[in-house]
Amino acid sequence: MGDTMEKLLQTIIEELVDNRDAVEIEKVESSSVYVFEIKVAPEDVGKVIGKSGRTATAIRTIIISIARKHGKDAIVKFNDRENK
């Protein structure tokens, strides 16, 4: 299930950004939680976060809903590539 969520995240993020090649998603999975760390180019961070964080909140809501359907929790973190 984690791979499916990762592919969904990849698709959503790549459609939002200008620099698709800079998109990286790291997934860490434990028995009770999925952690997704999304890295994008610095100039694309605003596009992924959205005005007042609305886009990021929507992305998190979708991923958390899918994870909970399968009995797990999910954390989605956003970072630009320059800071990591």
C-alpha atoms as a PDB file:
ATOM      1  CA  MET A   1       0.000   0.000   0.000  1.00  0.00           C
ATOM      2  CA  GLY A   2       2.862   2.389   0.751  1.00  0.00           C
ATOM      3  CA  ASP A   3       4.140   2.117  -2.801  1.00  0.00           C
ATOM      4  CA  THR A   4       0.734   3.074  -4.171  1.00  0.00           C
ATOM      5  CA  MET A   5       0.592   6.140  -1.930  1.00  0.00           C
ATOM      6  CA  GLU A   6       4.130   7.056  -2.959  1.00  0.00           C
ATOM      7  CA  LYS A   7       3.176   6.859  -6.658  1.00  0.00           C
ATOM      8  CA  LEU A   8       0.086   8.972  -6.003  1.00  0.00           C
ATOM      9  CA  LEU A   9       2.191  11.573  -4.193  1.00  0.00           C
ATOM     10  CA  GLN A  10       4.719  11.555  -7.041  1.00  0.00           C
ATOM     11  CA  THR A  11       1.972  12.175  -9.594  1.00  0.00           C
ATOM     12  CA  ILE A  12       0.348  14.979  -7.596  1.00  0.00           C
ATOM     13  CA  ILE A  13       3.621  16.770  -6.818  1.00  0.00           C
ATOM     14  CA  GLU A  14       4.960  16.490 -10.379  1.00  0.00           C
ATOM     15  CA  GLU A  15       1.775  18.091 -11.718  1.00  0.00           C
ATOM     16  CA  LEU A  16       2.190  21.041  -9.328  1.00  0.00           C
ATOM     17  CA  VAL A  17       5.858  21.905  -9.912  1.00  0.00           C
ATOM     18  CA  ASP A  18       7.825  23.300 -12.851  1.00  0.00           C
ATOM     19  CA  ASN A  19      10.996  21.284 -12.196  1.00  0.00           C
ATOM     20  CA  ARG A  20       9.767  17.667 -12.215  1.00  0.00           C
ATOM     21  CA  ASP A  21      13.298  16.255 -12.228  1.00  0.00           C
ATOM     22  CA  ALA A  22      13.978  17.756  -8.793  1.00  0.00           C
ATOM     23  CA  VAL A  23      11.085  15.923  -7.113  1.00  0.00           C
ATOM     24  CA  GLU A  24      12.190  13.250  -4.646  1.00  0.00           C
ATOM     25  CA  ILE A  25      10.002  11.292  -2.277  1.00  0.00           C
ATOM     26  CA  GLU A  26      11.507   9.246   0.521  1.00  0.00           C
ATOM     27  CA  LYS A  27       9.277   6.717   2.250  1.00  0.00           C
ATOM     28  CA  VAL A  28       9.855   5.187   5.657  1.00  0.00           C
ATOM     29  CA  GLU A  29       7.378   2.551   6.770  1.00  0.00           C
ATOM     30  CA  SER A  30       6.897   1.022  10.192  1.00  0.00           C
ATOM     31  CA  SER A  31       4.190  -1.268  11.492  1.00  0.00           C
ATOM     32  CA  SER A  32       1.895   1.652  12.320  1.00  0.00           C
ATOM     33  CA  VAL A  33       2.958   4.656  10.236  1.00  0.00           C
ATOM     34  CA  TYR A  34       4.121   5.774   6.816  1.00  0.00           C
ATOM     35  CA  VAL A  35       6.426   8.795   6.683  1.00  0.00           C
ATOM     36  CA  PHE A  36       6.826  10.564   3.345  1.00  0.00           C
ATOM     37  CA  GLU A  37       9.448  13.276   2.933  1.00  0.00           C
ATOM     38  CA  ILE A  38       8.928  15.287  -0.221  1.00  0.00           C
ATOM     39  CA  LYS A  39      11.799  17.311  -1.649  1.00  0.00           C
ATOM     40  CA  VAL A  40      11.331  19.814  -4.469  1.00  0.00           C
ATOM     41  CA  ALA A  41      13.394  22.580  -6.034  1.00  0.00           C
ATOM     42  CA  PRO A  42      13.480  25.787  -3.940  1.00  0.00           C
ATOM     43  CA  GLU A  43      11.494  27.709  -6.559  1.00  0.00           C
ATOM     44  CA  ASP A  44       8.696  25.096  -6.411  1.00  0.00           C
ATOM     45  CA  VAL A  45       8.187  24.985  -2.638  1.00  0.00           C
ATOM     46  CA  GLY A  46       5.472  27.649  -2.743  1.00  0.00           C
ATOM     47  CA  LYS A  47       3.566  25.745  -5.400  1.00  0.00           C
ATOM     48  CA  VAL A  48       3.517  22.596  -3.292  1.00  0.00           C
ATOM     49  CA  ILE A  49       2.657  24.372  -0.039  1.00  0.00           C
ATOM     50  CA  GLY A  50       0.039  26.674  -1.570  1.00  0.00           C
ATOM     51  CA  LYS A  51      -1.533  29.826  -0.212  1.00  0.00           C
ATOM     52  CA  SER A  52      -1.736  29.585   3.579  1.00  0.00           C
ATOM     53  CA  GLY A  53      -0.664  25.929   3.296  1.00  0.00           C
ATOM     54  CA  ARG A  54      -3.913  24.846   1.656  1.00  0.00           C
ATOM     55  CA  THR A  55      -2.322  22.655  -1.013  1.00  0.00           C
ATOM     56  CA  ALA A  56      -0.052  20.911   1.500  1.00  0.00           C
ATOM     57  CA  THR A  57      -3.020  20.352   3.813  1.00  0.00           C
ATOM     58  CA  ALA A  58      -5.056  18.840   0.980  1.00  0.00           C
ATOM     59  CA  ILE A  59      -2.214  16.513   0.011  1.00  0.00           C
ATOM     60  CA  ARG A  60      -1.786  15.428   3.633  1.00  0.00           C
ATOM     61  CA  THR A  61      -5.530  14.845   4.013  1.00  0.00           C
ATOM     62  CA  ILE A  62      -5.630  12.523   0.997  1.00  0.00           C
ATOM     63  CA  ILE A  63      -2.594  10.497   2.089  1.00  0.00           C
ATOM     64  CA  ILE A  64      -3.707  10.262   5.736  1.00  0.00           C
ATOM     65  CA  SER A  65      -7.179   9.123   4.646  1.00  0.00           C
ATOM     66  CA  ILE A  66      -5.740   6.341   2.490  1.00  0.00           C
ATOM     67  CA  ALA A  67      -3.350   5.219   5.245  1.00  0.00           C
ATOM     68  CA  ARG A  68      -6.093   5.132   7.881  1.00  0.00           C
ATOM     69  CA  LYS A  69      -8.276   3.038   5.616  1.00  0.00           C
ATOM     70  CA  HIS A  70      -5.503   0.441   5.881  1.00  0.00           C
ATOM     71  CA  GLY A  71      -5.073   0.806   9.644  1.00  0.00           C
ATOM     72  CA  LYS A  72      -1.990   3.026   9.633  1.00  0.00           C
ATOM     73  CA  ASP A  73      -1.169   6.679  10.142  1.00  0.00           C
ATOM     74  CA  ALA A  74       0.794   8.870   7.741  1.00  0.00           C
ATOM     75  CA  ILE A  75       3.089  11.867   8.021  1.00  0.00           C
ATOM     76  CA  VAL A  76       3.903  14.020   5.002  1.00  0.00           C
ATOM     77  CA  LYS A  77       6.856  16.426   5.270  1.00  0.00           C
ATOM     78  CA  PHE A  78       7.826  19.026   2.679  1.00  0.00           C
ATOM     79  CA  ASN A  79      11.429  20.200   2.197  1.00  0.00           C
ATOM     80  CA  ASP A  80      13.222  22.045  -0.566  1.00  0.00           C
ATOM     81  CA  ARG A  81      16.288  20.334  -1.978  1.00  0.00           C
ATOM     82  CA  GLU A  82      18.581  23.184  -0.939  1.00  0.00           C
ATOM     83  CA  ASN A  83      17.897  22.660   2.763  1.00  0.00           C
ATOM     84  CA  LYS A  84      18.504  18.896   2.760  1.00  0.00           C
END
